[in-house]
């Protein structure tokens, strides 16, 4: 019997994929959305030439007419169905709920529609139709209970990377990076690079991100979202734990340099090549797929002028902390945080020293 609702954690581990013409991925974990859709694409379109049968839309620029046109198109060069994927589809579902209900309620179809949304109420008529005729996949990670996450991490590590994680090692990994599926997978990939089949707590402790690294991410994210007070609170927490202003600056530098690289790539297209999107530029600069949407939002808030000067500011702050100026290194760091969080400095003239 075909299940109507699956957890992405369960779905990603199972071999069999239910047959259905309507799929919905829902929840707040973008990386699980991505992994789920990747797995479905491999099943629906197993050969490279089958990609001709795929149409992908972002809900910001698609109408029901666009989607329906693809859904009723007959594949001429392959026996595989046509596949239509609509990402960020919350507004699309709201605008075209009646059309979707009508389409799903009619007889089973050959072509496939997949919708990726954040909100999905099981009480709506559309959700009930999907439960009857299709499959909904819940993509949440941070809301799961810790024992469930630890068990899943161990199974995922074995399936994807051939690793055997001790239970304590999986616990430590989750503690180190937090309940973020993309970060967990990123660390497992790093552990796989050790060339060891069995991963111990000591290996995790030596290789994976520490709470200090996680706190630095939180500082940057809070600053770029305008939460300057929260960012400064985390800075003070690190300083009280024995970290130095120069050490914190060094941990921040990698992320901030990626913003500058992405801005330059976006503003200066390679001659003869199509202009990349901002997310594409961020991806080329080293931002992992699960973080692209949030990082794009932060970079847009930062603004192109400030983003272009980040590397210059880092050099100034580094020189000042190493004795170039009499200013207290702690004050230099705090000024950098304040500048990051204030769009009124978007002309690029404000500097941390």
C-alpha atoms as a PDB file:
ATOM      1  CA  UNK A   1       0.000   0.000   0.000  1.00  0.00           C
ATOM      2  CA  UNK A   2       1.309   3.449  -0.929  1.00  0.00           C
ATOM      3  CA  UNK A   3       1.915   5.688   2.127  1.00  0.00           C
ATOM      4  CA  UNK A   4       0.345   9.139   1.829  1.00  0.00           C
ATOM      5  CA  UNK A   5       2.731  10.926   4.215  1.00  0.00           C
ATOM      6  CA  UNK A   6       6.417  10.193   4.736  1.00  0.00           C
ATOM      7  CA  UNK A   7       9.184  11.721   6.806  1.00  0.00           C
ATOM      8  CA  UNK A   8      12.097  12.815   4.618  1.00  0.00           C
ATOM      9  CA  UNK A   9      14.431  11.079   7.067  1.00  0.00           C
ATOM     10  CA  UNK A  10      12.603   7.812   6.441  1.00  0.00           C
ATOM     11  CA  UNK A  11      12.198   8.386   2.702  1.00  0.00           C
ATOM     12  CA  UNK A  12      15.889   9.099   2.084  1.00  0.00           C
ATOM     13  CA  UNK A  13      16.883   5.787   3.677  1.00  0.00           C
ATOM     14  CA  UNK A  14      14.417   3.521   1.895  1.00  0.00           C
ATOM     15  CA  UNK A  15      15.100   1.849  -1.442  1.00  0.00           C
ATOM     16  CA  UNK A  16      11.608   1.798  -2.908  1.00  0.00           C
ATOM     17  CA  UNK A  17       9.924   4.977  -4.125  1.00  0.00           C
ATOM     18  CA  UNK A  18       6.106   4.913  -4.281  1.00  0.00           C
ATOM     19  CA  UNK A  19       4.520   5.570  -7.660  1.00  0.00           C
ATOM     20  CA  UNK A  20       2.413   8.716  -7.816  1.00  0.00           C
ATOM     21  CA  UNK A  21       1.686  11.595 -10.176  1.00  0.00           C
ATOM     22  CA  UNK A  22       1.524  14.246  -7.414  1.00  0.00           C
ATOM     23  CA  UNK A  23       4.216  14.837  -4.773  1.00  0.00           C
ATOM     24  CA  UNK A  24       4.558  17.555  -2.143  1.00  0.00           C
ATOM     25  CA  UNK A  25       7.628  18.263  -0.024  1.00  0.00           C
ATOM     26  CA  UNK A  26       6.883  20.493   2.945  1.00  0.00           C
ATOM     27  CA  UNK A  27       8.668  21.791   6.037  1.00  0.00           C
ATOM     28  CA  UNK A  28      11.380  24.206   7.128  1.00  0.00           C
ATOM     29  CA  UNK A  29      14.545  22.264   6.232  1.00  0.00           C
ATOM     30  CA  UNK A  30      15.703  23.366   2.780  1.00  0.00           C
ATOM     31  CA  UNK A  31      18.419  20.741   2.541  1.00  0.00           C
ATOM     32  CA  UNK A  32      15.964  17.893   3.090  1.00  0.00           C
ATOM     33  CA  UNK A  33      13.761  19.387   0.352  1.00  0.00           C
ATOM     34  CA  UNK A  34      16.794  19.337  -1.953  1.00  0.00           C
ATOM     35  CA  UNK A  35      17.810  15.760  -1.109  1.00  0.00           C
ATOM     36  CA  UNK A  36      14.243  14.492  -1.499  1.00  0.00           C
ATOM     37  CA  UNK A  37      13.794  16.085  -4.919  1.00  0.00           C
ATOM     38  CA  UNK A  38      17.214  14.838  -6.029  1.00  0.00           C
ATOM     39  CA  UNK A  39      16.251  11.272  -5.135  1.00  0.00           C
ATOM     40  CA  UNK A  40      12.932  11.563  -6.960  1.00  0.00           C
ATOM     41  CA  UNK A  41      14.613  12.959 -10.064  1.00  0.00           C
ATOM     42  CA  UNK A  42      16.989   9.989 -10.192  1.00  0.00           C
ATOM     43  CA  UNK A  43      14.007   7.624 -10.124  1.00  0.00           C
ATOM     44  CA  UNK A  44      11.859   9.539 -12.587  1.00  0.00           C
ATOM     45  CA  UNK A  45      14.657  10.537 -14.982  1.00  0.00           C
ATOM     46  CA  UNK A  46      17.420   7.920 -14.635  1.00  0.00           C
ATOM     47  CA  UNK A  47      19.347   8.759 -17.819  1.00  0.00           C
ATOM     48  CA  UNK A  48      21.006  12.099 -18.717  1.00  0.00           C
ATOM     49  CA  UNK A  49      18.872  12.425 -21.845  1.00  0.00           C
ATOM     50  CA  UNK A  50      15.728  12.121 -19.709  1.00  0.00           C
ATOM     51  CA  UNK A  51      16.438  15.608 -18.348  1.00  0.00           C
ATOM     52  CA  UNK A  52      14.736  16.871 -21.510  1.00  0.00           C
ATOM     53  CA  UNK A  53      11.497  15.800 -19.835  1.00  0.00           C
ATOM     54  CA  UNK A  54      12.103  18.002 -16.780  1.00  0.00           C
ATOM     55  CA  UNK A  55      10.661  21.480 -16.281  1.00  0.00           C
ATOM     56  CA  UNK A  56      11.571  23.395 -13.119  1.00  0.00           C
ATOM     57  CA  UNK A  57       9.949  26.630 -11.998  1.00  0.00           C
ATOM     58  CA  UNK A  58      10.298  29.019  -9.108  1.00  0.00           C
ATOM     59  CA  UNK A  59       6.849  30.012  -7.898  1.00  0.00           C
ATOM     60  CA  UNK A  60       7.778  33.684  -8.073  1.00  0.00           C
ATOM     61  CA  UNK A  61       7.660  33.655 -11.853  1.00  0.00           C
ATOM     62  CA  UNK A  62       5.254  30.874 -12.819  1.00  0.00           C
ATOM     63  CA  UNK A  63       1.517  30.669 -13.474  1.00  0.00           C
ATOM     64  CA  UNK A  64      -0.812  27.682 -13.553  1.00  0.00           C
ATOM     65  CA  UNK A  65      -0.960  28.016 -17.329  1.00  0.00           C
ATOM     66  CA  UNK A  66       2.833  27.518 -17.495  1.00  0.00           C
ATOM     67  CA  UNK A  67       2.693  24.433 -15.299  1.00  0.00           C
ATOM     68  CA  UNK A  68      -0.390  22.928 -16.933  1.00  0.00           C
ATOM     69  CA  UNK A  69       1.105  23.329 -20.396  1.00  0.00           C
ATOM     70  CA  UNK A  70       4.039  21.146 -19.336  1.00  0.00           C
ATOM     71  CA  UNK A  71       1.830  18.612 -17.564  1.00  0.00           C
ATOM     72  CA  UNK A  72      -0.249  17.882 -20.660  1.00  0.00           C
ATOM     73  CA  UNK A  73       2.726  17.700 -23.023  1.00  0.00           C
ATOM     74  CA  UNK A  74       3.432  14.210 -24.358  1.00  0.00           C
ATOM     75  CA  UNK A  75       7.027  12.956 -24.238  1.00  0.00           C
ATOM     76  CA  UNK A  76       8.078  12.190 -27.806  1.00  0.00           C
ATOM     77  CA  UNK A  77      11.592  10.816 -27.390  1.00  0.00           C
ATOM     78  CA  UNK A  78      11.429   8.710 -24.213  1.00  0.00           C
ATOM     79  CA  UNK A  79       9.110   6.368 -22.363  1.00  0.00           C
ATOM     80  CA  UNK A  80       9.612   8.255 -19.109  1.00  0.00           C
ATOM     81  CA  UNK A  81       6.989  10.762 -17.910  1.00  0.00           C
ATOM     82  CA  UNK A  82       7.354  14.499 -18.042  1.00  0.00           C
ATOM     83  CA  UNK A  83       8.245  15.936 -14.645  1.00  0.00           C
ATOM     84  CA  UNK A  84       7.304  19.418 -13.454  1.00  0.00           C
ATOM     85  CA  UNK A  85       8.863  20.729 -10.229  1.00  0.00           C
ATOM     86  CA  UNK A  86       7.741  23.994  -8.618  1.00  0.00           C
ATOM     87  CA  UNK A  87       9.967  25.186  -5.762  1.00  0.00           C
ATOM     88  CA  UNK A  88       9.138  27.863  -3.162  1.00  0.00           C
ATOM     89  CA  UNK A  89       5.554  27.110  -4.108  1.00  0.00           C
ATOM     90  CA  UNK A  90       3.621  28.473  -1.112  1.00  0.00           C
ATOM     91  CA  UNK A  91       2.295  31.504  -2.995  1.00  0.00           C
ATOM     92  CA  UNK A  92       1.721  29.407  -6.112  1.00  0.00           C
ATOM     93  CA  UNK A  93      -0.457  26.984  -4.130  1.00  0.00           C
ATOM     94  CA  UNK A  94      -2.380  29.879  -2.573  1.00  0.00           C
ATOM     95  CA  UNK A  95      -3.020  31.517  -5.955  1.00  0.00           C
ATOM     96  CA  UNK A  96      -3.934  28.347  -7.836  1.00  0.00           C
ATOM     97  CA  UNK A  97      -5.481  26.128  -5.172  1.00  0.00           C
ATOM     98  CA  UNK A  98      -8.706  25.605  -7.157  1.00  0.00           C
ATOM     99  CA  UNK A  99      -6.855  24.587 -10.320  1.00  0.00           C
ATOM    100  CA  UNK A 100      -4.602  22.227  -8.373  1.00  0.00           C
ATOM    101  CA  UNK A 101      -7.574  20.638  -6.610  1.00  0.00           C
ATOM    102  CA  UNK A 102      -9.297  20.038  -9.937  1.00  0.00           C
ATOM    103  CA  UNK A 103      -6.175  18.590 -11.546  1.00  0.00           C
ATOM    104  CA  UNK A 104      -5.382  16.239  -8.650  1.00  0.00           C
ATOM    105  CA  UNK A 105      -8.993  15.105  -8.231  1.00  0.00           C
ATOM    106  CA  UNK A 106      -9.255  13.880 -11.809  1.00  0.00           C
ATOM    107  CA  UNK A 107      -8.145  10.397 -12.842  1.00  0.00           C
ATOM    108  CA  UNK A 108      -4.556   9.255 -12.333  1.00  0.00           C
ATOM    109  CA  UNK A 109      -2.084  10.745 -14.766  1.00  0.00           C
ATOM    110  CA  UNK A 110       1.171   9.753 -16.398  1.00  0.00           C
ATOM    111  CA  UNK A 111       3.077  13.020 -16.007  1.00  0.00           C
ATOM    112  CA  UNK A 112       4.299  14.100 -12.575  1.00  0.00           C
ATOM    113  CA  UNK A 113       3.945  17.315 -10.571  1.00  0.00           C
ATOM    114  CA  UNK A 114       6.108  17.998  -7.499  1.00  0.00           C
ATOM    115  CA  UNK A 115       5.462  21.021  -5.270  1.00  0.00           C
ATOM    116  CA  UNK A 116       7.943  22.228  -2.657  1.00  0.00           C
ATOM    117  CA  UNK A 117       6.357  24.352   0.101  1.00  0.00           C
ATOM    118  CA  UNK A 118       7.082  25.427   3.662  1.00  0.00           C
ATOM    119  CA  UNK A 119       3.508  25.351   4.974  1.00  0.00           C
ATOM    120  CA  UNK A 120       1.171  22.420   4.348  1.00  0.00           C
ATOM    121  CA  UNK A 121      -2.025  22.067   6.356  1.00  0.00           C
ATOM    122  CA  UNK A 122      -3.446  18.517   6.296  1.00  0.00           C
ATOM    123  CA  UNK A 123      -6.953  19.926   6.812  1.00  0.00           C
ATOM    124  CA  UNK A 124      -7.236  21.583   3.390  1.00  0.00           C
ATOM    125  CA  UNK A 125      -9.043  19.882   0.510  1.00  0.00           C
ATOM    126  CA  UNK A 126      -5.867  19.915  -1.571  1.00  0.00           C
ATOM    127  CA  UNK A 127      -3.870  18.185   1.174  1.00  0.00           C
ATOM    128  CA  UNK A 128      -6.575  15.548   1.546  1.00  0.00           C
ATOM    129  CA  UNK A 129      -6.538  14.925  -2.211  1.00  0.00           C
ATOM    130  CA  UNK A 130      -2.754  14.571  -2.158  1.00  0.00           C
ATOM    131  CA  UNK A 131      -3.057  12.142   0.770  1.00  0.00           C
ATOM    132  CA  UNK A 132      -5.534  10.104  -1.272  1.00  0.00           C
ATOM    133  CA  UNK A 133      -3.784  10.112  -4.642  1.00  0.00           C
ATOM    134  CA  UNK A 134      -0.194  11.177  -3.997  1.00  0.00           C
ATOM    135  CA  UNK A 135       2.599  11.438  -1.461  1.00  0.00           C
ATOM    136  CA  UNK A 136       3.578  14.257   0.904  1.00  0.00           C
ATOM    137  CA  UNK A 137       7.098  14.258   2.368  1.00  0.00           C
ATOM    138  CA  UNK A 138       7.706  16.134   5.612  1.00  0.00           C
ATOM    139  CA  UNK A 139      11.088  17.896   5.472  1.00  0.00           C
ATOM    140  CA  UNK A 140      11.896  18.838   9.053  1.00  0.00           C
ATOM    141  CA  UNK A 141      15.021  18.111  11.065  1.00  0.00           C
ATOM    142  CA  UNK A 142      15.426  20.466  14.014  1.00  0.00           C
ATOM    143  CA  UNK A 143      11.970  19.570  15.390  1.00  0.00           C
ATOM    144  CA  UNK A 144      12.765  15.870  15.632  1.00  0.00           C
ATOM    145  CA  UNK A 145      13.700  14.280  18.944  1.00  0.00           C
ATOM    146  CA  UNK A 146      17.407  13.897  19.574  1.00  0.00           C
ATOM    147  CA  UNK A 147      17.456  10.049  19.697  1.00  0.00           C
ATOM    148  CA  UNK A 148      15.714   9.935  16.313  1.00  0.00           C
ATOM    149  CA  UNK A 149      18.288  12.307  14.806  1.00  0.00           C
ATOM    150  CA  UNK A 150      21.223  10.362  16.245  1.00  0.00           C
ATOM    151  CA  UNK A 151      19.843   7.099  14.854  1.00  0.00           C
ATOM    152  CA  UNK A 152      19.274   8.695  11.446  1.00  0.00           C
ATOM    153  CA  UNK A 153      22.766  10.208  11.324  1.00  0.00           C
ATOM    154  CA  UNK A 154      24.286   6.767  11.879  1.00  0.00           C
ATOM    155  CA  UNK A 155      22.134   5.167   9.157  1.00  0.00           C
ATOM    156  CA  UNK A 156      22.745   8.015   6.699  1.00  0.00           C
ATOM    157  CA  UNK A 157      26.497   7.870   7.301  1.00  0.00           C
ATOM    158  CA  UNK A 158      26.516   4.164   6.478  1.00  0.00           C
ATOM    159  CA  UNK A 159      24.269   4.473   3.417  1.00  0.00           C
ATOM    160  CA  UNK A 160      25.874   7.519   1.808  1.00  0.00           C
ATOM    161  CA  UNK A 161      29.507   7.304   2.907  1.00  0.00           C
ATOM    162  CA  UNK A 162      30.057   3.719   4.072  1.00  0.00           C
ATOM    163  CA  UNK A 163      30.887   4.955   7.575  1.00  0.00           C
ATOM    164  CA  UNK A 164      30.185   3.258  10.879  1.00  0.00           C
ATOM    165  CA  UNK A 165      29.597   5.916  13.530  1.00  0.00           C
ATOM    166  CA  UNK A 166      29.685   5.008  17.169  1.00  0.00           C
ATOM    167  CA  UNK A 167      26.551   6.204  18.932  1.00  0.00           C
ATOM    168  CA  UNK A 168      28.592   8.646  21.020  1.00  0.00           C
ATOM    169  CA  UNK A 169      30.264   9.968  17.867  1.00  0.00           C
ATOM    170  CA  UNK A 170      26.887  10.701  16.276  1.00  0.00           C
ATOM    171  CA  UNK A 171      25.793  12.422  19.498  1.00  0.00           C
ATOM    172  CA  UNK A 172      28.899  14.598  19.487  1.00  0.00           C
ATOM    173  CA  UNK A 173      28.488  15.460  15.816  1.00  0.00           C
ATOM    174  CA  UNK A 174      24.923  16.619  16.434  1.00  0.00           C
ATOM    175  CA  UNK A 175      26.059  18.604  19.472  1.00  0.00           C
ATOM    176  CA  UNK A 176      28.893  20.225  17.517  1.00  0.00           C
ATOM    177  CA  UNK A 177      26.953  21.551  14.542  1.00  0.00           C
ATOM    178  CA  UNK A 178      23.392  21.614  15.859  1.00  0.00           C
ATOM    179  CA  UNK A 179      20.218  20.088  14.385  1.00  0.00           C
ATOM    180  CA  UNK A 180      20.830  21.359  10.835  1.00  0.00           C
ATOM    181  CA  UNK A 181      20.712  18.575   8.252  1.00  0.00           C
ATOM    182  CA  UNK A 182      22.977  20.297   5.747  1.00  0.00           C
ATOM    183  CA  UNK A 183      25.705  20.923   8.302  1.00  0.00           C
ATOM    184  CA  UNK A 184      25.464  17.347   9.566  1.00  0.00           C
ATOM    185  CA  UNK A 185      25.863  16.011   6.019  1.00  0.00           C
ATOM    186  CA  UNK A 186      28.732  18.411   5.342  1.00  0.00           C
ATOM    187  CA  UNK A 187      30.604  17.134   8.406  1.00  0.00           C
ATOM    188  CA  UNK A 188      29.951  13.498   7.455  1.00  0.00           C
ATOM    189  CA  UNK A 189      31.472  14.219   4.057  1.00  0.00           C
ATOM    190  CA  UNK A 190      34.562  15.611   5.784  1.00  0.00           C
ATOM    191  CA  UNK A 191      34.779  12.553   8.032  1.00  0.00           C
ATOM    192  CA  UNK A 192      34.543  10.286   4.977  1.00  0.00           C
ATOM    193  CA  UNK A 193      37.621  12.050   3.644  1.00  0.00           C
ATOM    194  CA  UNK A 194      39.673  10.593   6.507  1.00  0.00           C
ATOM    195  CA  UNK A 195      39.659   7.226   4.762  1.00  0.00           C
ATOM    196  CA  UNK A 196      38.486   5.426   7.906  1.00  0.00           C
ATOM    197  CA  UNK A 197      35.454   3.140   7.993  1.00  0.00           C
ATOM    198  CA  UNK A 198      34.758   3.479  11.721  1.00  0.00           C
ATOM    199  CA  UNK A 199      34.369   6.992  13.130  1.00  0.00           C
ATOM    200  CA  UNK A 200      35.093   7.571  16.802  1.00  0.00           C
ATOM    201  CA  UNK A 201      34.260  10.479  19.077  1.00  0.00           C
ATOM    202  CA  UNK A 202      37.899  11.562  18.961  1.00  0.00           C
ATOM    203  CA  UNK A 203      37.775  11.841  15.159  1.00  0.00           C
ATOM    204  CA  UNK A 204      34.599  13.914  15.370  1.00  0.00           C
ATOM    205  CA  UNK A 205      36.115  16.135  18.050  1.00  0.00           C
ATOM    206  CA  UNK A 206      39.225  16.792  15.974  1.00  0.00           C
ATOM    207  CA  UNK A 207      37.553  17.387  12.620  1.00  0.00           C
ATOM    208  CA  UNK A 208      34.085  18.847  12.989  1.00  0.00           C
ATOM    209  CA  UNK A 209      33.076  22.416  13.763  1.00  0.00           C
ATOM    210  CA  UNK A 210      33.182  23.399  17.426  1.00  0.00           C
ATOM    211  CA  UNK A 211      30.660  25.514  19.293  1.00  0.00           C
ATOM    212  CA  UNK A 212      32.998  28.457  18.689  1.00  0.00           C
ATOM    213  CA  UNK A 213      32.661  27.996  14.914  1.00  0.00           C
ATOM    214  CA  UNK A 214      28.905  27.750  15.234  1.00  0.00           C
ATOM    215  CA  UNK A 215      28.836  30.913  17.352  1.00  0.00           C
ATOM    216  CA  UNK A 216      30.806  32.821  14.707  1.00  0.00           C
ATOM    217  CA  UNK A 217      28.178  31.867  12.112  1.00  0.00           C
ATOM    218  CA  UNK A 218      25.509  33.138  14.491  1.00  0.00           C
ATOM    219  CA  UNK A 219      27.413  36.423  14.909  1.00  0.00           C
ATOM    220  CA  UNK A 220      27.600  37.004  11.147  1.00  0.00           C
ATOM    221  CA  UNK A 221      23.992  35.992  10.556  1.00  0.00           C
ATOM    222  CA  UNK A 222      22.673  38.184  13.378  1.00  0.00           C
ATOM    223  CA  UNK A 223      24.726  41.178  12.211  1.00  0.00           C
ATOM    224  CA  UNK A 224      23.566  40.876   8.593  1.00  0.00           C
ATOM    225  CA  UNK A 225      19.954  40.532   9.717  1.00  0.00           C
ATOM    226  CA  UNK A 226      20.216  43.815  11.635  1.00  0.00           C
ATOM    227  CA  UNK A 227      20.305  42.141  15.069  1.00  0.00           C
ATOM    228  CA  UNK A 228      23.400  44.032  16.180  1.00  0.00           C
ATOM    229  CA  UNK A 229      22.788  43.641  19.917  1.00  0.00           C
ATOM    230  CA  UNK A 230      22.448  39.865  19.572  1.00  0.00           C
ATOM    231  CA  UNK A 231      25.620  39.688  17.476  1.00  0.00           C
ATOM    232  CA  UNK A 232      27.598  41.694  20.036  1.00  0.00           C
ATOM    233  CA  UNK A 233      26.281  39.475  22.837  1.00  0.00           C
ATOM    234  CA  UNK A 234      27.722  36.426  21.065  1.00  0.00           C
ATOM    235  CA  UNK A 235      31.023  38.261  20.521  1.00  0.00           C
ATOM    236  CA  UNK A 236      31.263  38.969  24.248  1.00  0.00           C
ATOM    237  CA  UNK A 237      30.445  35.320  24.970  1.00  0.00           C
ATOM    238  CA  UNK A 238      33.383  34.181  22.862  1.00  0.00           C
ATOM    239  CA  UNK A 239      35.708  36.732  24.432  1.00  0.00           C
ATOM    240  CA  UNK A 240      34.710  35.612  27.916  1.00  0.00           C
ATOM    241  CA  UNK A 241      35.441  32.008  26.874  1.00  0.00           C
ATOM    242  CA  UNK A 242      39.031  33.012  26.119  1.00  0.00           C
ATOM    243  CA  UNK A 243      38.849  33.688  22.373  1.00  0.00           C
ATOM    244  CA  UNK A 244      40.784  36.730  21.120  1.00  0.00           C
ATOM    245  CA  UNK A 245      39.378  39.481  18.858  1.00  0.00           C
ATOM    246  CA  UNK A 246      41.934  38.505  16.202  1.00  0.00           C
ATOM    247  CA  UNK A 247      40.901  34.851  16.464  1.00  0.00           C
ATOM    248  CA  UNK A 248      37.223  35.741  16.022  1.00  0.00           C
ATOM    249  CA  UNK A 249      38.075  37.944  13.038  1.00  0.00           C
ATOM    250  CA  UNK A 250      39.951  35.042  11.466  1.00  0.00           C
ATOM    251  CA  UNK A 251      36.944  32.731  11.862  1.00  0.00           C
ATOM    252  CA  UNK A 252      34.654  35.368  10.324  1.00  0.00           C
ATOM    253  CA  UNK A 253      36.950  36.053   7.381  1.00  0.00           C
ATOM    254  CA  UNK A 254      36.128  32.961   5.306  1.00  0.00           C
ATOM    255  CA  UNK A 255      32.393  33.649   5.204  1.00  0.00           C
ATOM    256  CA  UNK A 256      32.814  37.372   4.560  1.00  0.00           C
ATOM    257  CA  UNK A 257      35.280  36.759   1.728  1.00  0.00           C
ATOM    258  CA  UNK A 258      32.710  34.497   0.056  1.00  0.00           C
ATOM    259  CA  UNK A 259      30.258  37.400   0.029  1.00  0.00           C
ATOM    260  CA  UNK A 260      32.822  39.578  -1.753  1.00  0.00           C
ATOM    261  CA  UNK A 261      33.633  36.854  -4.290  1.00  0.00           C
ATOM    262  CA  UNK A 262      29.947  36.229  -4.984  1.00  0.00           C
ATOM    263  CA  UNK A 263      29.271  39.948  -5.428  1.00  0.00           C
ATOM    264  CA  UNK A 264      32.128  40.308  -7.914  1.00  0.00           C
ATOM    265  CA  UNK A 265      31.007  37.219  -9.845  1.00  0.00           C
ATOM    266  CA  UNK A 266      27.423  38.505  -9.982  1.00  0.00           C
ATOM    267  CA  UNK A 267      28.307  42.058 -11.045  1.00  0.00           C
ATOM    268  CA  UNK A 268      30.988  41.084 -13.569  1.00  0.00           C
ATOM    269  CA  UNK A 269      29.747  38.243 -15.834  1.00  0.00           C
ATOM    270  CA  UNK A 270      32.307  36.227 -17.760  1.00  0.00           C
ATOM    271  CA  UNK A 271      32.307  37.453 -21.396  1.00  0.00           C
ATOM    272  CA  UNK A 272      30.422  35.085 -23.666  1.00  0.00           C
ATOM    273  CA  UNK A 273      28.686  33.279 -20.804  1.00  0.00           C
ATOM    274  CA  UNK A 274      25.147  33.759 -19.429  1.00  0.00           C
ATOM    275  CA  UNK A 275      24.831  36.007 -16.402  1.00  0.00           C
ATOM    276  CA  UNK A 276      24.660  33.942 -13.213  1.00  0.00           C
ATOM    277  CA  UNK A 277      21.977  34.420 -10.583  1.00  0.00           C
ATOM    278  CA  UNK A 278      22.984  35.662  -7.154  1.00  0.00           C
ATOM    279  CA  UNK A 279      22.455  32.160  -5.760  1.00  0.00           C
ATOM    280  CA  UNK A 280      24.600  30.795  -8.570  1.00  0.00           C
ATOM    281  CA  UNK A 281      27.370  33.246  -7.685  1.00  0.00           C
ATOM    282  CA  UNK A 282      27.149  32.258  -4.022  1.00  0.00           C
ATOM    283  CA  UNK A 283      27.346  28.586  -4.976  1.00  0.00           C
ATOM    284  CA  UNK A 284      30.456  29.195  -7.080  1.00  0.00           C
ATOM    285  CA  UNK A 285      31.977  31.019  -4.099  1.00  0.00           C
ATOM    286  CA  UNK A 286      31.649  27.967  -1.882  1.00  0.00           C
ATOM    287  CA  UNK A 287      28.276  28.386  -0.162  1.00  0.00           C
ATOM    288  CA  UNK A 288      26.675  24.935   0.332  1.00  0.00           C
ATOM    289  CA  UNK A 289      23.353  24.273  -1.397  1.00  0.00           C
ATOM    290  CA  UNK A 290      21.289  24.087   1.779  1.00  0.00           C
ATOM    291  CA  UNK A 291      22.334  27.636   2.772  1.00  0.00           C
ATOM    292  CA  UNK A 292      21.919  29.415  -0.582  1.00  0.00           C
ATOM    293  CA  UNK A 293      18.470  30.885   0.015  1.00  0.00           C
ATOM    294  CA  UNK A 294      19.309  32.361   3.422  1.00  0.00           C
ATOM    295  CA  UNK A 295      22.725  33.587   2.307  1.00  0.00           C
ATOM    296  CA  UNK A 296      21.178  35.343  -0.688  1.00  0.00           C
ATOM    297  CA  UNK A 297      18.830  37.199   1.661  1.00  0.00           C
ATOM    298  CA  UNK A 298      21.725  38.264   3.891  1.00  0.00           C
ATOM    299  CA  UNK A 299      23.873  39.367   0.968  1.00  0.00           C
ATOM    300  CA  UNK A 300      21.043  41.456  -0.484  1.00  0.00           C
ATOM    301  CA  UNK A 301      20.600  43.171   2.862  1.00  0.00           C
ATOM    302  CA  UNK A 302      24.323  43.814   3.047  1.00  0.00           C
ATOM    303  CA  UNK A 303      24.227  45.550  -0.337  1.00  0.00           C
ATOM    304  CA  UNK A 304      26.681  45.430  -3.214  1.00  0.00           C
ATOM    305  CA  UNK A 305      28.770  48.421  -2.094  1.00  0.00           C
ATOM    306  CA  UNK A 306      29.454  47.093   1.394  1.00  0.00           C
ATOM    307  CA  UNK A 307      29.899  43.532   0.130  1.00  0.00           C
ATOM    308  CA  UNK A 308      32.525  44.690  -2.365  1.00  0.00           C
ATOM    309  CA  UNK A 309      34.524  46.320   0.448  1.00  0.00           C
ATOM    310  CA  UNK A 310      34.418  43.467   2.950  1.00  0.00           C
ATOM    311  CA  UNK A 311      37.898  42.168   2.115  1.00  0.00           C
ATOM    312  CA  UNK A 312      39.294  45.700   2.448  1.00  0.00           C
ATOM    313  CA  UNK A 313      37.619  46.072   5.840  1.00  0.00           C
ATOM    314  CA  UNK A 314      39.011  42.721   6.967  1.00  0.00           C
ATOM    315  CA  UNK A 315      42.527  43.830   6.046  1.00  0.00           C
ATOM    316  CA  UNK A 316      42.085  47.133   7.883  1.00  0.00           C
ATOM    317  CA  UNK A 317      40.744  45.397  10.982  1.00  0.00           C
ATOM    318  CA  UNK A 318      43.518  42.794  10.879  1.00  0.00           C
ATOM    319  CA  UNK A 319      46.209  45.480  10.626  1.00  0.00           C
ATOM    320  CA  UNK A 320      44.642  47.537  13.418  1.00  0.00           C
ATOM    321  CA  UNK A 321      44.446  44.536  15.762  1.00  0.00           C
ATOM    322  CA  UNK A 322      48.101  43.684  15.079  1.00  0.00           C
ATOM    323  CA  UNK A 323      49.275  47.097  16.222  1.00  0.00           C
ATOM    324  CA  UNK A 324      48.675  49.348  13.261  1.00  0.00           C
ATOM    325  CA  UNK A 325      46.513  51.614  15.432  1.00  0.00           C
ATOM    326  CA  UNK A 326      46.227  52.276  19.136  1.00  0.00           C
ATOM    327  CA  UNK A 327      42.565  51.234  19.092  1.00  0.00           C
ATOM    328  CA  UNK A 328      41.619  48.333  21.381  1.00  0.00           C
ATOM    329  CA  UNK A 329      41.197  45.192  19.165  1.00  0.00           C
ATOM    330  CA  UNK A 330      37.913  44.463  20.911  1.00  0.00           C
ATOM    331  CA  UNK A 331      36.542  47.848  19.826  1.00  0.00           C
ATOM    332  CA  UNK A 332      37.724  47.242  16.249  1.00  0.00           C
ATOM    333  CA  UNK A 333      35.795  43.959  16.184  1.00  0.00           C
ATOM    334  CA  UNK A 334      32.672  45.545  17.663  1.00  0.00           C
ATOM    335  CA  UNK A 335      32.791  48.345  15.084  1.00  0.00           C
ATOM    336  CA  UNK A 336      32.978  45.796  12.272  1.00  0.00           C
ATOM    337  CA  UNK A 337      29.859  44.073  13.634  1.00  0.00           C
ATOM    338  CA  UNK A 338      28.009  47.398  13.824  1.00  0.00           C
ATOM    339  CA  UNK A 339      28.979  48.334  10.252  1.00  0.00           C
ATOM    340  CA  UNK A 340      27.772  44.951   8.963  1.00  0.00           C
ATOM    341  CA  UNK A 341      24.370  45.452  10.547  1.00  0.00           C
ATOM    342  CA  UNK A 342      23.554  48.957   9.322  1.00  0.00           C
ATOM    343  CA  UNK A 343      22.305  49.391   5.733  1.00  0.00           C
ATOM    344  CA  UNK A 344      22.783  53.165   6.002  1.00  0.00           C
ATOM    345  CA  UNK A 345      26.472  52.495   5.384  1.00  0.00           C
ATOM    346  CA  UNK A 346      25.594  51.015   1.982  1.00  0.00           C
ATOM    347  CA  UNK A 347      27.639  53.670   0.173  1.00  0.00           C
ATOM    348  CA  UNK A 348      30.678  51.744   1.351  1.00  0.00           C
ATOM    349  CA  UNK A 349      32.383  54.676   3.075  1.00  0.00           C
ATOM    350  CA  UNK A 350      31.922  53.476   6.651  1.00  0.00           C
ATOM    351  CA  UNK A 351      34.766  51.327   7.947  1.00  0.00           C
ATOM    352  CA  UNK A 352      35.435  49.531  11.222  1.00  0.00           C
ATOM    353  CA  UNK A 353      38.624  51.434  12.083  1.00  0.00           C
END
